[in-house]
N, C-alpha and C. Protein backbone atom coordinates (compact mmCIF):
# COMPACT_ATOMS: atom_id res chain seq x y z
N UNK A 1 -52.43 63.38 22.50
CA UNK A 1 -52.39 62.69 23.73
C UNK A 1 -51.24 63.32 24.67
N UNK A 2 -50.06 63.25 24.12
CA UNK A 2 -48.91 63.50 25.08
C UNK A 2 -49.06 65.08 25.33
N UNK A 3 -49.53 65.79 24.71
CA UNK A 3 -49.82 67.21 25.08
C UNK A 3 -50.59 67.34 26.04
N UNK A 4 -51.68 66.59 26.12
CA UNK A 4 -52.93 66.64 27.17
C UNK A 4 -52.14 66.08 28.44
N UNK A 5 -51.42 65.17 28.42
CA UNK A 5 -50.50 64.66 29.62
C UNK A 5 -49.66 65.68 30.18
N UNK A 6 -48.89 66.33 29.41
CA UNK A 6 -47.94 67.22 29.94
C UNK A 6 -48.50 68.63 29.86
N UNK A 7 -49.36 68.99 30.66
CA UNK A 7 -50.22 70.14 30.85
C UNK A 7 -50.37 70.48 32.43
N UNK A 8 -50.47 71.92 32.56
CA UNK A 8 -50.47 72.43 34.04
C UNK A 8 -51.56 71.62 34.89
N UNK A 9 -52.48 70.89 34.50
CA UNK A 9 -53.50 70.18 35.09
C UNK A 9 -52.75 68.90 35.70
N UNK A 10 -51.61 68.51 35.14
CA UNK A 10 -51.01 67.18 35.55
C UNK A 10 -50.08 67.29 36.90
N UNK A 11 -50.16 66.37 37.41
CA UNK A 11 -48.93 66.07 38.46
C UNK A 11 -48.11 65.12 38.21
N UNK A 12 -46.74 65.54 38.24
CA UNK A 12 -45.48 64.68 37.99
C UNK A 12 -45.22 64.05 39.40
N UNK A 13 -45.29 62.95 39.59
CA UNK A 13 -44.85 62.43 40.82
C UNK A 13 -43.51 61.47 40.45
N UNK A 14 -42.41 61.89 41.07
CA UNK A 14 -41.03 61.47 40.82
C UNK A 14 -40.31 61.15 42.01
N UNK A 15 -40.01 59.75 42.03
CA UNK A 15 -39.45 59.04 43.18
C UNK A 15 -37.70 59.41 42.78
N UNK A 16 -36.96 59.30 43.83
CA UNK A 16 -35.54 59.81 43.52
C UNK A 16 -35.56 61.08 43.01
N UNK A 17 -36.43 62.17 43.29
CA UNK A 17 -36.49 63.24 42.80
C UNK A 17 -35.50 64.37 43.20
N UNK A 18 -34.83 64.04 44.35
CA UNK A 18 -33.93 65.18 44.81
C UNK A 18 -32.41 65.22 44.38
N UNK A 19 -32.24 64.33 43.37
CA UNK A 19 -30.87 64.38 42.75
C UNK A 19 -30.95 63.69 41.46
N UNK A 20 -29.73 63.81 40.71
CA UNK A 20 -29.75 62.94 39.43
C UNK A 20 -30.88 63.17 38.40
N UNK A 21 -31.01 61.95 37.70
CA UNK A 21 -31.88 62.05 36.73
C UNK A 21 -33.43 62.32 37.15
N UNK A 22 -33.74 61.97 38.28
CA UNK A 22 -34.94 62.40 38.90
C UNK A 22 -35.10 63.92 38.94
N UNK A 23 -34.07 64.53 39.59
CA UNK A 23 -34.28 66.05 39.69
C UNK A 23 -34.11 66.55 38.31
N UNK A 24 -33.52 66.11 37.40
CA UNK A 24 -33.44 66.54 36.09
C UNK A 24 -34.84 66.60 35.42
N UNK A 25 -35.52 65.43 35.69
CA UNK A 25 -36.67 65.19 35.12
C UNK A 25 -37.85 66.28 35.80
N UNK A 26 -37.84 66.29 37.17
CA UNK A 26 -38.64 67.28 37.77
C UNK A 26 -38.32 68.65 37.41
N UNK A 27 -37.09 69.04 37.06
CA UNK A 27 -36.83 70.30 36.48
C UNK A 27 -37.57 70.60 35.35
N UNK A 28 -37.39 69.70 34.40
CA UNK A 28 -37.99 69.78 33.15
C UNK A 28 -39.59 69.80 33.01
N UNK A 29 -40.28 68.94 33.91
CA UNK A 29 -41.45 69.00 34.03
C UNK A 29 -42.05 70.36 34.76
N UNK A 30 -41.33 70.73 35.68
CA UNK A 30 -41.69 72.26 36.47
C UNK A 30 -41.71 73.27 35.35
N UNK A 31 -40.60 73.24 34.53
CA UNK A 31 -40.25 74.32 33.45
C UNK A 31 -41.45 74.15 32.79
N UNK A 32 -42.08 72.98 32.29
CA UNK A 32 -43.16 72.88 31.30
C UNK A 32 -44.53 73.34 31.89
N UNK A 33 -44.54 73.61 33.29
CA UNK A 33 -45.73 74.08 34.01
C UNK A 33 -46.58 73.13 34.57
N UNK A 34 -45.97 71.75 34.67
CA UNK A 34 -46.63 70.65 35.56
C UNK A 34 -46.43 70.94 36.94
N UNK A 35 -47.32 70.42 37.66
CA UNK A 35 -47.13 70.45 39.17
C UNK A 35 -46.31 69.10 39.41
N UNK A 36 -45.41 69.37 40.49
CA UNK A 36 -44.28 68.27 40.68
C UNK A 36 -44.38 67.95 42.19
N UNK A 37 -44.42 66.53 42.40
CA UNK A 37 -44.16 66.09 43.64
C UNK A 37 -42.91 65.22 43.57
N UNK A 38 -41.97 65.46 44.38
CA UNK A 38 -40.69 64.73 44.61
C UNK A 38 -40.61 63.92 45.72
N UNK A 39 -40.33 62.61 45.60
CA UNK A 39 -40.06 61.81 46.76
C UNK A 39 -38.56 61.45 46.86
N UNK A 40 -38.08 61.27 47.87
CA UNK A 40 -36.67 60.59 48.16
C UNK A 40 -36.42 60.63 49.68
N UNK A 41 -35.50 60.04 49.79
CA UNK A 41 -35.13 59.52 51.43
C UNK A 41 -34.32 60.83 52.03
N UNK A 42 -33.66 61.39 51.46
CA UNK A 42 -32.89 62.49 52.09
C UNK A 42 -33.47 63.69 52.09
N UNK A 43 -34.03 63.96 53.42
CA UNK A 43 -34.73 65.46 53.81
C UNK A 43 -33.99 66.58 53.32
N UNK A 44 -32.64 66.75 53.53
CA UNK A 44 -31.93 67.91 53.18
C UNK A 44 -31.89 68.10 51.75
N UNK A 45 -31.62 67.01 50.96
CA UNK A 45 -31.57 67.27 49.52
C UNK A 45 -32.95 67.30 49.00
N UNK A 46 -34.09 67.00 49.52
CA UNK A 46 -35.39 67.18 49.18
C UNK A 46 -35.60 68.80 49.41
N UNK A 47 -35.04 69.34 50.38
CA UNK A 47 -35.48 70.86 50.87
C UNK A 47 -34.65 71.61 49.70
N UNK A 48 -33.38 71.20 49.31
CA UNK A 48 -32.54 71.93 48.36
C UNK A 48 -33.14 71.94 46.99
N UNK A 49 -33.73 70.77 46.55
CA UNK A 49 -34.21 70.63 45.39
C UNK A 49 -35.64 71.12 45.24
N UNK A 50 -36.49 71.17 46.21
CA UNK A 50 -37.74 72.10 46.35
C UNK A 50 -37.33 73.50 46.25
N UNK A 51 -36.41 74.05 46.61
CA UNK A 51 -36.12 75.52 46.37
C UNK A 51 -35.60 75.65 44.82
N UNK A 52 -34.61 74.68 44.43
CA UNK A 52 -34.38 74.94 43.10
C UNK A 52 -35.58 74.60 42.09
N UNK A 53 -36.36 73.67 42.38
CA UNK A 53 -37.60 73.75 41.41
C UNK A 53 -38.62 74.77 41.59
N UNK A 54 -38.78 75.31 42.94
CA UNK A 54 -39.61 76.51 42.84
C UNK A 54 -39.33 77.59 42.06
N UNK A 55 -37.86 77.76 42.11
CA UNK A 55 -37.38 79.02 41.16
C UNK A 55 -37.74 78.90 39.82
N UNK A 56 -38.00 77.72 39.20
CA UNK A 56 -37.90 77.68 37.78
C UNK A 56 -39.56 77.19 37.50
N UNK A 57 -40.38 76.81 38.41
CA UNK A 57 -41.69 76.25 38.21
C UNK A 57 -42.61 77.55 37.93
N UNK A 58 -43.31 77.33 36.95
CA UNK A 58 -44.37 78.43 36.67
C UNK A 58 -45.38 78.96 37.74
N UNK A 59 -45.63 77.98 38.62
CA UNK A 59 -46.46 78.30 39.67
C UNK A 59 -45.71 78.42 40.96
N UNK A 60 -44.38 78.58 41.02
CA UNK A 60 -43.64 78.85 42.21
C UNK A 60 -43.70 77.60 43.19
N UNK A 61 -43.73 78.18 44.32
CA UNK A 61 -43.81 76.99 45.54
C UNK A 61 -45.10 76.27 45.53
N UNK A 62 -46.17 76.90 45.05
CA UNK A 62 -47.48 76.31 44.89
C UNK A 62 -47.43 75.05 44.07
N UNK A 63 -46.45 75.07 43.04
CA UNK A 63 -46.38 74.04 42.11
C UNK A 63 -45.67 72.76 42.44
N UNK A 64 -44.76 72.90 43.77
CA UNK A 64 -43.76 71.94 44.04
C UNK A 64 -44.26 71.39 45.47
N UNK A 65 -44.14 70.15 45.50
CA UNK A 65 -44.40 69.18 46.90
C UNK A 65 -43.06 68.28 46.91
N UNK A 66 -42.88 68.05 48.36
CA UNK A 66 -41.73 67.04 48.61
C UNK A 66 -42.46 65.99 49.36
N UNK A 67 -41.89 64.84 49.40
CA UNK A 67 -42.23 63.67 50.17
C UNK A 67 -41.12 62.84 50.62
N UNK A 68 -40.69 62.93 52.01
CA UNK A 68 -39.69 62.12 52.33
C UNK A 68 -40.26 60.92 52.49
N UNK A 69 -39.72 59.74 51.68
CA UNK A 69 -40.30 58.52 51.66
C UNK A 69 -39.40 57.45 51.05
N UNK A 70 -39.42 56.25 51.47
CA UNK A 70 -38.81 55.02 50.93
C UNK A 70 -39.96 54.41 50.26
N UNK A 71 -39.85 54.64 48.69
CA UNK A 71 -40.93 54.00 48.14
C UNK A 71 -40.86 52.45 47.97
N UNK A 72 -39.93 51.88 48.56
CA UNK A 72 -40.06 50.39 48.50
C UNK A 72 -40.87 49.92 49.69
N UNK A 73 -41.26 50.75 50.53
CA UNK A 73 -42.08 50.60 51.78
C UNK A 73 -43.53 51.13 51.42
N UNK A 74 -44.41 50.26 51.37
CA UNK A 74 -45.80 50.57 50.88
C UNK A 74 -46.47 51.58 52.16
N UNK A 75 -45.98 51.42 53.23
CA UNK A 75 -46.64 52.48 54.33
C UNK A 75 -46.11 53.95 54.08
N UNK A 76 -44.82 54.02 53.62
CA UNK A 76 -44.42 55.31 53.38
C UNK A 76 -45.20 56.06 52.06
N UNK A 77 -45.35 55.14 51.10
CA UNK A 77 -46.02 55.68 49.83
C UNK A 77 -47.53 55.96 50.17
N UNK A 78 -48.20 55.12 50.90
CA UNK A 78 -49.54 55.36 51.24
C UNK A 78 -49.84 56.53 52.15
N UNK A 79 -48.97 56.72 53.18
CA UNK A 79 -49.01 57.88 54.07
C UNK A 79 -48.78 59.24 53.47
N UNK A 80 -47.44 59.21 52.62
CA UNK A 80 -47.23 60.09 51.88
C UNK A 80 -48.32 60.63 50.95
N UNK A 81 -48.77 59.82 50.19
CA UNK A 81 -49.79 59.92 49.10
C UNK A 81 -50.92 60.78 49.54
N UNK A 82 -51.54 60.44 50.63
CA UNK A 82 -52.72 60.90 51.15
C UNK A 82 -52.28 62.49 51.75
N UNK A 83 -51.17 62.50 52.51
CA UNK A 83 -50.77 63.86 53.00
C UNK A 83 -50.46 64.88 51.87
N UNK A 84 -49.56 64.33 50.97
CA UNK A 84 -48.98 65.39 50.10
C UNK A 84 -49.82 65.48 48.71
N UNK A 85 -50.54 64.48 48.29
CA UNK A 85 -51.09 64.55 47.02
C UNK A 85 -52.36 64.90 46.95
N UNK A 86 -53.16 64.77 48.07
CA UNK A 86 -54.52 65.14 48.17
C UNK A 86 -54.96 66.42 47.77
N UNK A 87 -54.05 67.26 47.75
CA UNK A 87 -54.57 68.76 47.44
C UNK A 87 -54.49 68.81 45.86
N UNK A 88 -53.97 67.91 45.29
CA UNK A 88 -53.97 68.05 43.64
C UNK A 88 -54.81 67.21 42.97
N UNK A 89 -55.08 67.42 41.70
CA UNK A 89 -56.02 66.71 41.04
C UNK A 89 -55.45 65.24 40.75
N UNK A 90 -56.50 64.22 40.43
CA UNK A 90 -56.19 62.99 40.39
C UNK A 90 -55.20 62.66 39.11
N UNK A 91 -55.27 63.52 38.14
CA UNK A 91 -54.49 63.04 36.88
C UNK A 91 -53.18 63.33 37.03
N UNK A 92 -52.33 62.53 36.45
CA UNK A 92 -50.88 62.69 36.74
C UNK A 92 -49.98 61.53 36.06
N UNK A 93 -48.88 61.75 36.19
CA UNK A 93 -47.72 60.78 35.67
C UNK A 93 -46.86 60.53 36.71
N UNK A 94 -46.35 59.28 36.64
CA UNK A 94 -45.22 58.98 37.57
C UNK A 94 -44.10 58.46 37.09
N UNK A 95 -42.97 58.92 37.53
CA UNK A 95 -41.58 58.98 36.95
C UNK A 95 -40.56 58.16 38.05
N UNK A 96 -40.19 57.02 37.86
CA UNK A 96 -39.36 56.30 38.69
C UNK A 96 -38.03 56.05 38.08
N UNK A 97 -37.06 56.92 38.17
CA UNK A 97 -35.82 56.43 37.54
C UNK A 97 -34.98 55.47 38.46
N UNK A 98 -35.34 55.36 39.52
CA UNK A 98 -34.56 54.29 40.30
C UNK A 98 -35.70 53.10 40.56
N UNK A 99 -35.20 51.99 40.36
CA UNK A 99 -35.83 50.73 40.70
C UNK A 99 -35.66 50.16 41.85
N UNK A 100 -36.66 50.39 43.02
CA UNK A 100 -36.41 49.67 44.25
C UNK A 100 -36.35 48.37 44.22
N UNK A 101 -35.91 47.68 45.18
CA UNK A 101 -35.98 46.15 45.09
C UNK A 101 -37.27 45.67 45.38
N UNK A 102 -38.20 46.41 46.13
CA UNK A 102 -39.59 46.05 46.24
C UNK A 102 -40.44 47.28 46.14
N UNK A 103 -41.19 47.25 45.03
CA UNK A 103 -41.92 48.32 44.64
C UNK A 103 -43.40 48.42 45.26
N UNK A 104 -43.70 49.45 45.93
CA UNK A 104 -45.03 49.85 46.56
C UNK A 104 -45.86 50.24 45.59
N UNK A 105 -47.11 50.12 45.76
CA UNK A 105 -48.17 50.57 44.75
C UNK A 105 -48.42 52.08 45.00
N UNK A 106 -48.53 52.91 43.95
CA UNK A 106 -48.74 54.31 44.14
C UNK A 106 -50.14 54.72 44.07
N UNK A 107 -50.97 53.87 44.46
CA UNK A 107 -52.27 54.07 44.63
C UNK A 107 -52.96 54.05 46.02
């Protein structure tokens, strides 16, 4: 089952993905061939992280998406999800290394 989840057909959505453990997880998933969407507050860090991830992703820039969002705000998550994740298949995993004080639904 784990092998099926960690496949190129899977999208890894990672909050706090522009730095620290979130970026490390995104890097690992990208190297494994997963498509990766990172969300974070800092647009500059997101841009640098996207470059880093695109360089190691099996699908290059086509496999990496970024979403500037505050995941503790439902509006940011809902608008970002529709805009950024709509082009990817529905199957995926979510990684949230940071726990916001108020968690918004990822649906």
